[in-house]
Amino acid sequence: MIGEVREWKMTEEERLAYIKKHPIRPTKQAKKNTKMDYKWRSEKAVAARKKKGPI
């Protein structure tokens, strides 16, 4: 076996102390619009093919 899996559980006090020490901060990056991503990719591919020209 490569490694041993160890399971441990925090008490409620330990969990709250961990959250206080390591708070979750929101990211500064904007969320991407995943619904329109496929259209952008196809347009980019078509533009790349047009630039390349016939082989």
N, C-alpha and C. Protein backbone atom coordinates (compact mmCIF):
# COMPACT_ATOMS: atom_id res chain seq x y z
N MET A 1 0.84 -1.18 0.00
CA MET A 1 0.00 0.00 0.00
C MET A 1 0.89 1.24 0.00
N ILE A 2 0.51 2.23 -0.78
CA ILE A 2 1.31 3.45 -0.93
C ILE A 2 1.26 4.31 0.32
N GLY A 3 0.09 4.59 0.79
CA GLY A 3 -0.03 5.46 1.95
C GLY A 3 -1.23 5.08 2.79
N GLU A 4 -1.22 5.55 3.99
CA GLU A 4 -2.30 5.24 4.91
C GLU A 4 -3.22 6.44 5.02
N VAL A 5 -4.52 6.18 4.99
CA VAL A 5 -5.51 7.25 5.13
C VAL A 5 -5.86 7.37 6.60
N ARG A 6 -5.69 8.58 7.11
CA ARG A 6 -6.02 8.83 8.51
C ARG A 6 -7.23 9.75 8.56
N GLU A 7 -8.17 9.41 9.37
CA GLU A 7 -9.38 10.22 9.51
C GLU A 7 -9.36 10.87 10.89
N TRP A 8 -9.66 12.15 10.91
CA TRP A 8 -9.75 12.84 12.18
C TRP A 8 -10.91 13.82 12.11
N LYS A 9 -11.48 14.10 13.24
CA LYS A 9 -12.63 14.99 13.29
C LYS A 9 -12.35 16.11 14.27
N MET A 10 -12.82 17.31 13.91
CA MET A 10 -12.65 18.47 14.78
C MET A 10 -13.85 18.59 15.71
N THR A 11 -13.58 19.09 16.88
CA THR A 11 -14.68 19.46 17.76
C THR A 11 -15.24 20.79 17.25
N GLU A 12 -16.39 21.17 17.72
CA GLU A 12 -17.00 22.42 17.28
C GLU A 12 -16.12 23.61 17.64
N GLU A 13 -15.48 23.58 18.79
CA GLU A 13 -14.60 24.67 19.21
C GLU A 13 -13.38 24.76 18.29
N GLU A 14 -12.80 23.61 17.93
CA GLU A 14 -11.65 23.59 17.03
C GLU A 14 -12.03 24.13 15.65
N ARG A 15 -13.22 23.72 15.19
CA ARG A 15 -13.69 24.18 13.88
C ARG A 15 -13.88 25.69 13.86
N LEU A 16 -14.48 26.24 14.89
CA LEU A 16 -14.70 27.69 14.95
C LEU A 16 -13.37 28.44 15.06
N ALA A 17 -12.42 27.89 15.80
CA ALA A 17 -11.11 28.51 15.91
C ALA A 17 -10.39 28.49 14.56
N TYR A 18 -10.52 27.39 13.83
CA TYR A 18 -9.89 27.29 12.51
C TYR A 18 -10.50 28.30 11.54
N ILE A 19 -11.81 28.42 11.56
CA ILE A 19 -12.49 29.38 10.68
C ILE A 19 -12.08 30.81 11.03
N LYS A 20 -11.92 31.09 12.32
CA LYS A 20 -11.50 32.43 12.74
C LYS A 20 -10.07 32.72 12.27
N LYS A 21 -9.20 31.72 12.33
CA LYS A 21 -7.81 31.90 11.93
C LYS A 21 -7.67 31.94 10.41
N HIS A 22 -8.49 31.18 9.68
CA HIS A 22 -8.42 31.09 8.22
C HIS A 22 -9.78 31.46 7.61
N PRO A 23 -10.14 32.74 7.59
CA PRO A 23 -11.45 33.12 7.07
C PRO A 23 -11.54 32.93 5.55
N ILE A 24 -12.74 32.72 5.09
CA ILE A 24 -12.97 32.59 3.65
C ILE A 24 -13.12 34.00 3.09
N ARG A 25 -12.24 34.33 2.14
CA ARG A 25 -12.28 35.67 1.54
C ARG A 25 -12.78 35.57 0.11
N PRO A 26 -13.63 36.48 -0.31
CA PRO A 26 -14.09 36.44 -1.70
C PRO A 26 -12.94 36.78 -2.66
N THR A 27 -12.96 36.18 -3.84
CA THR A 27 -11.91 36.45 -4.82
C THR A 27 -12.18 37.77 -5.51
N LYS A 28 -11.12 38.36 -6.08
CA LYS A 28 -11.26 39.61 -6.80
C LYS A 28 -11.60 39.38 -8.27
N GLN A 29 -11.52 38.13 -8.72
CA GLN A 29 -11.80 37.83 -10.12
C GLN A 29 -13.30 37.76 -10.35
N ALA A 30 -13.71 38.25 -11.50
CA ALA A 30 -15.12 38.19 -11.85
C ALA A 30 -15.46 36.79 -12.33
N LYS A 31 -16.70 36.40 -12.11
CA LYS A 31 -17.13 35.07 -12.57
C LYS A 31 -17.29 35.09 -14.09
N LYS A 32 -16.92 33.98 -14.70
CA LYS A 32 -17.04 33.88 -16.15
C LYS A 32 -18.45 33.43 -16.50
N ASN A 33 -18.91 33.89 -17.64
CA ASN A 33 -20.22 33.48 -18.12
C ASN A 33 -20.04 32.17 -18.89
N THR A 34 -20.33 31.05 -18.27
CA THR A 34 -20.08 29.75 -18.89
C THR A 34 -21.11 29.42 -19.96
N LYS A 35 -22.25 30.09 -19.97
CA LYS A 35 -23.29 29.79 -20.96
C LYS A 35 -22.86 30.24 -22.35
N MET A 36 -22.08 31.32 -22.46
CA MET A 36 -21.70 31.86 -23.76
C MET A 36 -20.31 31.42 -24.21
N ASP A 37 -19.61 30.66 -23.38
CA ASP A 37 -18.24 30.29 -23.68
C ASP A 37 -18.13 29.48 -24.96
N TYR A 38 -19.08 28.58 -25.20
CA TYR A 38 -18.99 27.74 -26.39
C TYR A 38 -19.10 28.55 -27.67
N LYS A 39 -19.87 29.61 -27.68
CA LYS A 39 -20.00 30.45 -28.88
C LYS A 39 -18.70 31.20 -29.14
N TRP A 40 -18.08 31.72 -28.09
CA TRP A 40 -16.83 32.45 -28.25
C TRP A 40 -15.75 31.54 -28.79
N ARG A 41 -15.69 30.31 -28.32
CA ARG A 41 -14.67 29.37 -28.78
C ARG A 41 -14.85 29.05 -30.25
N SER A 42 -16.08 28.85 -30.69
CA SER A 42 -16.30 28.53 -32.10
C SER A 42 -15.97 29.73 -32.99
N GLU A 43 -16.30 30.93 -32.54
CA GLU A 43 -15.96 32.12 -33.32
C GLU A 43 -14.45 32.29 -33.43
N LYS A 44 -13.74 32.00 -32.35
CA LYS A 44 -12.29 32.11 -32.35
C LYS A 44 -11.69 31.07 -33.31
N ALA A 45 -12.24 29.87 -33.33
CA ALA A 45 -11.73 28.83 -34.22
C ALA A 45 -11.96 29.20 -35.69
N VAL A 46 -13.13 29.74 -35.98
CA VAL A 46 -13.43 30.15 -37.36
C VAL A 46 -12.48 31.26 -37.78
N ALA A 47 -12.24 32.23 -36.90
CA ALA A 47 -11.33 33.34 -37.23
C ALA A 47 -9.92 32.82 -37.46
N ALA A 48 -9.50 31.85 -36.69
CA ALA A 48 -8.15 31.30 -36.84
C ALA A 48 -8.03 30.56 -38.20
N ARG A 49 -9.09 29.84 -38.57
CA ARG A 49 -9.06 29.15 -39.85
C ARG A 49 -9.02 30.13 -41.03
N LYS A 50 -9.74 31.25 -40.90
CA LYS A 50 -9.76 32.24 -41.97
C LYS A 50 -8.40 32.90 -42.12
N LYS A 51 -7.71 33.17 -41.02
CA LYS A 51 -6.39 33.78 -41.07
C LYS A 51 -5.37 32.84 -41.70
N LYS A 52 -5.52 31.55 -41.40
CA LYS A 52 -4.54 30.56 -41.85
C LYS A 52 -4.64 30.39 -43.37
N GLY A 53 -5.85 30.39 -43.91
CA GLY A 53 -6.03 30.23 -45.34
C GLY A 53 -5.91 28.79 -45.79
N PRO A 54 -6.02 28.54 -47.09
CA PRO A 54 -5.94 27.16 -47.59
C PRO A 54 -4.53 26.59 -47.42
N ILE A 55 -4.47 25.31 -47.27
CA ILE A 55 -3.18 24.63 -47.04
C ILE A 55 -2.43 24.43 -48.34
